[in-house]
């Protein structure tokens, strides 16, 4: 069962240069996940970038998602 109210934590990366060199001072942000928006974005990526349809079956793609 999927809880539609559940949020996903994402890191908004931000690198700042300071006295100690570069530091990651990104922020964690809670966002909602919309399955339909994800499917649309994936379809556009496959079509626009002219990827093979089996691209989404690859192990690395699945790890990314």
PDB file of N, CA and C in Angstrom:
ATOM      1  N   UNK A   1       0.840  -1.180   0.000  1.00  0.00           N
ATOM      2  CA  UNK A   1       0.000   0.000   0.000  1.00  0.00           C
ATOM      3  C   UNK A   1       0.890   1.252   0.000  1.00  0.00           C
ATOM      4  N   UNK A   2       0.589   2.202  -0.830  1.00  0.00           N
ATOM      5  CA  UNK A   2       1.366   3.425  -0.949  1.00  0.00           C
ATOM      6  C   UNK A   2       0.660   4.544  -0.200  1.00  0.00           C
ATOM      7  N   UNK A   3       1.394   5.198   0.692  1.00  0.00           N
ATOM      8  CA  UNK A   3       0.861   6.339   1.427  1.00  0.00           C
ATOM      9  C   UNK A   3       1.122   7.595   0.604  1.00  0.00           C
ATOM     10  N   UNK A   4       0.066   8.211   0.091  1.00  0.00           N
ATOM     11  CA  UNK A   4       0.224   9.374  -0.784  1.00  0.00           C
ATOM     12  C   UNK A   4       0.748  10.596  -0.046  1.00  0.00           C
ATOM     13  N   UNK A   5       0.696  10.597   1.277  1.00  0.00           N
ATOM     14  CA  UNK A   5       1.183  11.727   2.061  1.00  0.00           C
ATOM     15  C   UNK A   5       2.670  11.618   2.376  1.00  0.00           C
ATOM     16  N   UNK A   6       3.243  10.447   2.126  1.00  0.00           N
ATOM     17  CA  UNK A   6       4.644  10.229   2.459  1.00  0.00           C
ATOM     18  C   UNK A   6       5.548  11.106   1.601  1.00  0.00           C
ATOM     19  N   UNK A   7       6.563  11.664   2.218  1.00  0.00           N
ATOM     20  CA  UNK A   7       7.512  12.519   1.529  1.00  0.00           C
ATOM     21  C   UNK A   7       8.828  11.781   1.335  1.00  0.00           C
ATOM     22  N   UNK A   8       9.645  12.296   0.421  1.00  0.00           N
ATOM     23  CA  UNK A   8      10.965  11.751   0.143  1.00  0.00           C
ATOM     24  C   UNK A   8      11.984  12.826   0.478  1.00  0.00           C
ATOM     25  N   UNK A   9      13.068  12.435   1.150  1.00  0.00           N
ATOM     26  CA  UNK A   9      14.131  13.384   1.455  1.00  0.00           C
ATOM     27  C   UNK A   9      15.099  13.454   0.282  1.00  0.00           C
ATOM     28  N   UNK A  10      15.400  14.669  -0.145  1.00  0.00           N
ATOM     29  CA  UNK A  10      16.379  14.878  -1.207  1.00  0.00           C
ATOM     30  C   UNK A  10      17.391  15.905  -0.731  1.00  0.00           C
ATOM     31  N   UNK A  11      18.594  15.789  -1.241  1.00  0.00           N
ATOM     32  CA  UNK A  11      19.657  16.726  -0.887  1.00  0.00           C
ATOM     33  C   UNK A  11      19.807  17.743  -2.000  1.00  0.00           C
ATOM     34  N   UNK A  12      19.674  18.995  -1.651  1.00  0.00           N
ATOM     35  CA  UNK A  12      19.953  20.072  -2.596  1.00  0.00           C
ATOM     36  C   UNK A  12      21.410  20.459  -2.384  1.00  0.00           C
ATOM     37  N   UNK A  13      22.308  19.966  -3.239  1.00  0.00           N
ATOM     38  CA  UNK A  13      23.730  20.218  -3.018  1.00  0.00           C
ATOM     39  C   UNK A  13      24.099  21.683  -3.211  1.00  0.00           C
ATOM     40  N   UNK A  14      25.015  22.113  -2.390  1.00  0.00           N
ATOM     41  CA  UNK A  14      25.539  23.471  -2.507  1.00  0.00           C
ATOM     42  C   UNK A  14      26.963  23.444  -1.973  1.00  0.00           C
ATOM     43  N   UNK A  15      27.902  23.869  -2.788  1.00  0.00           N
ATOM     44  CA  UNK A  15      29.311  23.900  -2.399  1.00  0.00           C
ATOM     45  C   UNK A  15      29.695  25.345  -2.106  1.00  0.00           C
ATOM     46  N   UNK A  16      30.288  25.552  -0.941  1.00  0.00           N
ATOM     47  CA  UNK A  16      30.775  26.883  -0.589  1.00  0.00           C
ATOM     48  C   UNK A  16      32.273  26.827  -0.376  1.00  0.00           C
ATOM     49  N   UNK A  17      32.946  27.849  -0.838  1.00  0.00           N
ATOM     50  CA  UNK A  17      34.380  27.951  -0.617  1.00  0.00           C
ATOM     51  C   UNK A  17      34.610  28.796   0.625  1.00  0.00           C
ATOM     52  N   UNK A  18      35.431  28.271   1.517  1.00  0.00           N
ATOM     53  CA  UNK A  18      35.724  28.986   2.745  1.00  0.00           C
ATOM     54  C   UNK A  18      37.175  28.821   3.145  1.00  0.00           C
ATOM     55  N   UNK A  19      37.441  29.098   4.395  1.00  0.00           N
ATOM     56  CA  UNK A  19      38.806  29.007   4.912  1.00  0.00           C
ATOM     57  C   UNK A  19      39.342  27.580   4.867  1.00  0.00           C
ATOM     58  N   UNK A  20      38.447  26.615   5.014  1.00  0.00           N
ATOM     59  CA  UNK A  20      38.846  25.209   5.023  1.00  0.00           C
ATOM     60  C   UNK A  20      38.759  24.570   3.634  1.00  0.00           C
ATOM     61  N   UNK A  21      38.587  25.371   2.613  1.00  0.00           N
ATOM     62  CA  UNK A  21      38.438  24.845   1.252  1.00  0.00           C
ATOM     63  C   UNK A  21      36.964  24.716   0.907  1.00  0.00           C
ATOM     64  N   UNK A  22      36.673  23.863  -0.040  1.00  0.00           N
ATOM     65  CA  UNK A  22      35.288  23.672  -0.452  1.00  0.00           C
ATOM     66  C   UNK A  22      34.562  22.775   0.546  1.00  0.00           C
ATOM     67  N   UNK A  23      33.348  23.162   0.900  1.00  0.00           N
ATOM     68  CA  UNK A  23      32.538  22.381   1.821  1.00  0.00           C
ATOM     69  C   UNK A  23      31.140  22.222   1.247  1.00  0.00           C
ATOM     70  N   UNK A  24      30.574  21.038   1.439  1.00  0.00           N
ATOM     71  CA  UNK A  24      29.206  20.790   1.016  1.00  0.00           C
ATOM     72  C   UNK A  24      28.282  21.264   2.130  1.00  0.00           C
ATOM     73  N   UNK A  25      27.510  22.269   1.848  1.00  0.00           N
ATOM     74  CA  UNK A  25      26.580  22.812   2.843  1.00  0.00           C
ATOM     75  C   UNK A  25      25.148  22.696   2.320  1.00  0.00           C
ATOM     76  N   UNK A  26      24.867  21.595   1.647  1.00  0.00           N
ATOM     77  CA  UNK A  26      23.551  21.392   1.058  1.00  0.00           C
ATOM     78  C   UNK A  26      22.469  21.275   2.113  1.00  0.00           C
ATOM     79  N   UNK A  27      21.239  21.364   1.653  1.00  0.00           N
ATOM     80  CA  UNK A  27      20.081  21.275   2.542  1.00  0.00           C
ATOM     81  C   UNK A  27      19.264  20.043   2.214  1.00  0.00           C
ATOM     82  N   UNK A  28      18.737  19.406   3.262  1.00  0.00           N
ATOM     83  CA  UNK A  28      17.780  18.327   3.059  1.00  0.00           C
ATOM     84  C   UNK A  28      16.404  18.940   2.906  1.00  0.00           C
ATOM     85  N   UNK A  29      15.632  18.377   1.980  1.00  0.00           N
ATOM     86  CA  UNK A  29      14.319  18.920   1.701  1.00  0.00           C
ATOM     87  C   UNK A  29      13.351  17.751   1.534  1.00  0.00           C
ATOM     88  N   UNK A  30      12.171  17.859   2.107  1.00  0.00           N
ATOM     89  CA  UNK A  30      11.147  16.827   1.962  1.00  0.00           C
ATOM     90  C   UNK A  30      10.237  17.205   0.798  1.00  0.00           C
ATOM     91  N   UNK A  31      10.118  16.314  -0.169  1.00  0.00           N
ATOM     92  CA  UNK A  31       9.257  16.574  -1.323  1.00  0.00           C
ATOM     93  C   UNK A  31       8.284  15.415  -1.496  1.00  0.00           C
ATOM     94  N   UNK A  32       7.191  15.685  -2.141  1.00  0.00           N
ATOM     95  CA  UNK A  32       6.240  14.632  -2.482  1.00  0.00           C
ATOM     96  C   UNK A  32       6.692  13.915  -3.737  1.00  0.00           C
ATOM     97  N   UNK A  33       6.332  12.679  -3.885  1.00  0.00           N
ATOM     98  CA  UNK A  33       6.711  11.891  -5.055  1.00  0.00           C
ATOM     99  C   UNK A  33       5.462  11.649  -5.878  1.00  0.00           C
ATOM    100  N   UNK A  34       5.520  11.997  -7.136  1.00  0.00           N
ATOM    101  CA  UNK A  34       4.387  11.804  -8.021  1.00  0.00           C
ATOM    102  C   UNK A  34       4.789  10.798  -9.100  1.00  0.00           C
ATOM    103  N   UNK A  35       4.217   9.618  -9.012  1.00  0.00           N
ATOM    104  CA  UNK A  35       4.565   8.523  -9.926  1.00  0.00           C
ATOM    105  C   UNK A  35       4.269   8.895 -11.376  1.00  0.00           C
ATOM    106  N   UNK A  36       3.140   9.551 -11.622  1.00  0.00           N
ATOM    107  CA  UNK A  36       2.773   9.913 -12.996  1.00  0.00           C
ATOM    108  C   UNK A  36       3.747  10.925 -13.587  1.00  0.00           C
ATOM    109  N   UNK A  37       4.180  11.908 -12.802  1.00  0.00           N
ATOM    110  CA  UNK A  37       5.159  12.880 -13.281  1.00  0.00           C
ATOM    111  C   UNK A  37       6.479  12.194 -13.611  1.00  0.00           C
ATOM    112  N   UNK A  38       6.872  11.225 -12.773  1.00  0.00           N
ATOM    113  CA  UNK A  38       8.109  10.480 -13.016  1.00  0.00           C
ATOM    114  C   UNK A  38       8.026   9.711 -14.326  1.00  0.00           C
ATOM    115  N   UNK A  39       6.900   9.040 -14.570  1.00  0.00           N
ATOM    116  CA  UNK A  39       6.738   8.271 -15.806  1.00  0.00           C
ATOM    117  C   UNK A  39       6.785   9.173 -17.030  1.00  0.00           C
ATOM    118  N   UNK A  40       6.169  10.349 -16.940  1.00  0.00           N
ATOM    119  CA  UNK A  40       6.194  11.293 -18.052  1.00  0.00           C
ATOM    120  C   UNK A  40       7.623  11.766 -18.333  1.00  0.00           C
ATOM    121  N   UNK A  41       8.352  12.107 -17.271  1.00  0.00           N
ATOM    122  CA  UNK A  41       9.733  12.569 -17.431  1.00  0.00           C
ATOM    123  C   UNK A  41      10.609  11.468 -18.024  1.00  0.00           C
ATOM    124  N   UNK A  42      10.414  10.238 -17.582  1.00  0.00           N
ATOM    125  CA  UNK A  42      11.176   9.109 -18.109  1.00  0.00           C
ATOM    126  C   UNK A  42      10.875   8.887 -19.591  1.00  0.00           C
ATOM    127  N   UNK A  43       9.602   8.957 -19.960  1.00  0.00           N
ATOM    128  CA  UNK A  43       9.223   8.775 -21.361  1.00  0.00           C
ATOM    129  C   UNK A  43       9.852   9.861 -22.233  1.00  0.00           C
ATOM    130  N   UNK A  44       9.825  11.109 -21.762  1.00  0.00           N
ATOM    131  CA  UNK A  44      10.436  12.202 -22.523  1.00  0.00           C
ATOM    132  C   UNK A  44      11.936  11.991 -22.673  1.00  0.00           C
ATOM    133  N   UNK A  45      12.597  11.513 -21.605  1.00  0.00           N
ATOM    134  CA  UNK A  45      14.037  11.276 -21.671  1.00  0.00           C
ATOM    135  C   UNK A  45      14.359  10.220 -22.729  1.00  0.00           C
ATOM    136  N   UNK A  46      13.610   9.131 -22.737  1.00  0.00           N
ATOM    137  CA  UNK A  46      13.858   8.052 -23.695  1.00  0.00           C
ATOM    138  C   UNK A  46      13.628   8.546 -25.123  1.00  0.00           C
ATOM    139  N   UNK A  47      12.566   9.314 -25.332  1.00  0.00           N
ATOM    140  CA  UNK A  47      12.235   9.778 -26.680  1.00  0.00           C
ATOM    141  C   UNK A  47      13.197  10.867 -27.157  1.00  0.00           C
ATOM    142  N   UNK A  48      13.397  11.904 -26.337  1.00  0.00           N
ATOM    143  CA  UNK A  48      14.226  13.038 -26.754  1.00  0.00           C
ATOM    144  C   UNK A  48      15.686  12.630 -26.933  1.00  0.00           C
ATOM    145  N   UNK A  49      16.203  11.813 -26.009  1.00  0.00           N
ATOM    146  CA  UNK A  49      17.596  11.383 -26.098  1.00  0.00           C
ATOM    147  C   UNK A  49      17.794  10.170 -27.000  1.00  0.00           C
ATOM    148  N   UNK A  50      16.708   9.700 -27.614  1.00  0.00           N
ATOM    149  CA  UNK A  50      16.738   8.567 -28.534  1.00  0.00           C
ATOM    150  C   UNK A  50      17.412   7.344 -27.917  1.00  0.00           C
ATOM    151  N   UNK A  51      16.997   7.024 -26.689  1.00  0.00           N
ATOM    152  CA  UNK A  51      17.538   5.862 -25.987  1.00  0.00           C
ATOM    153  C   UNK A  51      16.785   4.604 -26.414  1.00  0.00           C
ATOM    154  N   UNK A  52      17.449   3.466 -26.307  1.00  0.00           N
ATOM    155  CA  UNK A  52      16.778   2.195 -26.566  1.00  0.00           C
ATOM    156  C   UNK A  52      15.770   1.957 -25.446  1.00  0.00           C
ATOM    157  N   UNK A  53      14.644   1.335 -25.790  1.00  0.00           N
ATOM    158  CA  UNK A  53      13.610   1.110 -24.787  1.00  0.00           C
ATOM    159  C   UNK A  53      14.095   0.238 -23.631  1.00  0.00           C
ATOM    160  N   UNK A  54      15.029  -0.672 -23.892  1.00  0.00           N
ATOM    161  CA  UNK A  54      15.518  -1.542 -22.820  1.00  0.00           C
ATOM    162  C   UNK A  54      16.502  -0.815 -21.890  1.00  0.00           C
ATOM    163  N   UNK A  55      16.756   0.459 -22.143  1.00  0.00           N
ATOM    164  CA  UNK A  55      17.605   1.281 -21.273  1.00  0.00           C
ATOM    165  C   UNK A  55      17.119   1.223 -19.822  1.00  0.00           C
ATOM    166  N   UNK A  56      15.816   1.222 -19.628  1.00  0.00           N
ATOM    167  CA  UNK A  56      15.253   1.243 -18.271  1.00  0.00           C
ATOM    168  C   UNK A  56      15.348  -0.110 -17.579  1.00  0.00           C
ATOM    169  N   UNK A  57      15.741  -1.139 -18.293  1.00  0.00           N
ATOM    170  CA  UNK A  57      15.894  -2.457 -17.695  1.00  0.00           C
ATOM    171  C   UNK A  57      17.306  -2.700 -17.176  1.00  0.00           C
ATOM    172  N   UNK A  58      18.217  -1.784 -17.452  1.00  0.00           N
ATOM    173  CA  UNK A  58      19.600  -1.931 -17.042  1.00  0.00           C
ATOM    174  C   UNK A  58      19.781  -1.821 -15.533  1.00  0.00           C
ATOM    175  N   UNK A  59      20.764  -2.523 -15.025  1.00  0.00           N
ATOM    176  CA  UNK A  59      21.029  -2.561 -13.586  1.00  0.00           C
ATOM    177  C   UNK A  59      21.391  -1.175 -13.051  1.00  0.00           C
ATOM    178  N   UNK A  60      22.203  -0.440 -13.769  1.00  0.00           N
ATOM    179  CA  UNK A  60      22.623   0.880 -13.293  1.00  0.00           C
ATOM    180  C   UNK A  60      21.455   1.860 -13.266  1.00  0.00           C
ATOM    181  N   UNK A  61      20.587   1.775 -14.252  1.00  0.00           N
ATOM    182  CA  UNK A  61      19.412   2.661 -14.248  1.00  0.00           C
ATOM    183  C   UNK A  61      18.524   2.353 -13.049  1.00  0.00           C
ATOM    184  N   UNK A  62      18.331   1.077 -12.774  1.00  0.00           N
ATOM    185  CA  UNK A  62      17.491   0.688 -11.635  1.00  0.00           C
ATOM    186  C   UNK A  62      18.120   1.138 -10.320  1.00  0.00           C
ATOM    187  N   UNK A  63      19.441   1.077 -10.203  1.00  0.00           N
ATOM    188  CA  UNK A  63      20.100   1.571  -8.989  1.00  0.00           C
ATOM    189  C   UNK A  63      19.898   3.067  -8.836  1.00  0.00           C
ATOM    190  N   UNK A  64      19.906   3.760  -9.941  1.00  0.00           N
ATOM    191  CA  UNK A  64      19.728   5.216  -9.912  1.00  0.00           C
ATOM    192  C   UNK A  64      18.325   5.579  -9.440  1.00  0.00           C
ATOM    193  N   UNK A  65      17.374   4.817  -9.857  1.00  0.00           N
ATOM    194  CA  UNK A  65      15.988   5.134  -9.511  1.00  0.00           C
ATOM    195  C   UNK A  65      15.635   4.615  -8.142  1.00  0.00           C
TER     196      UNK A  65
END
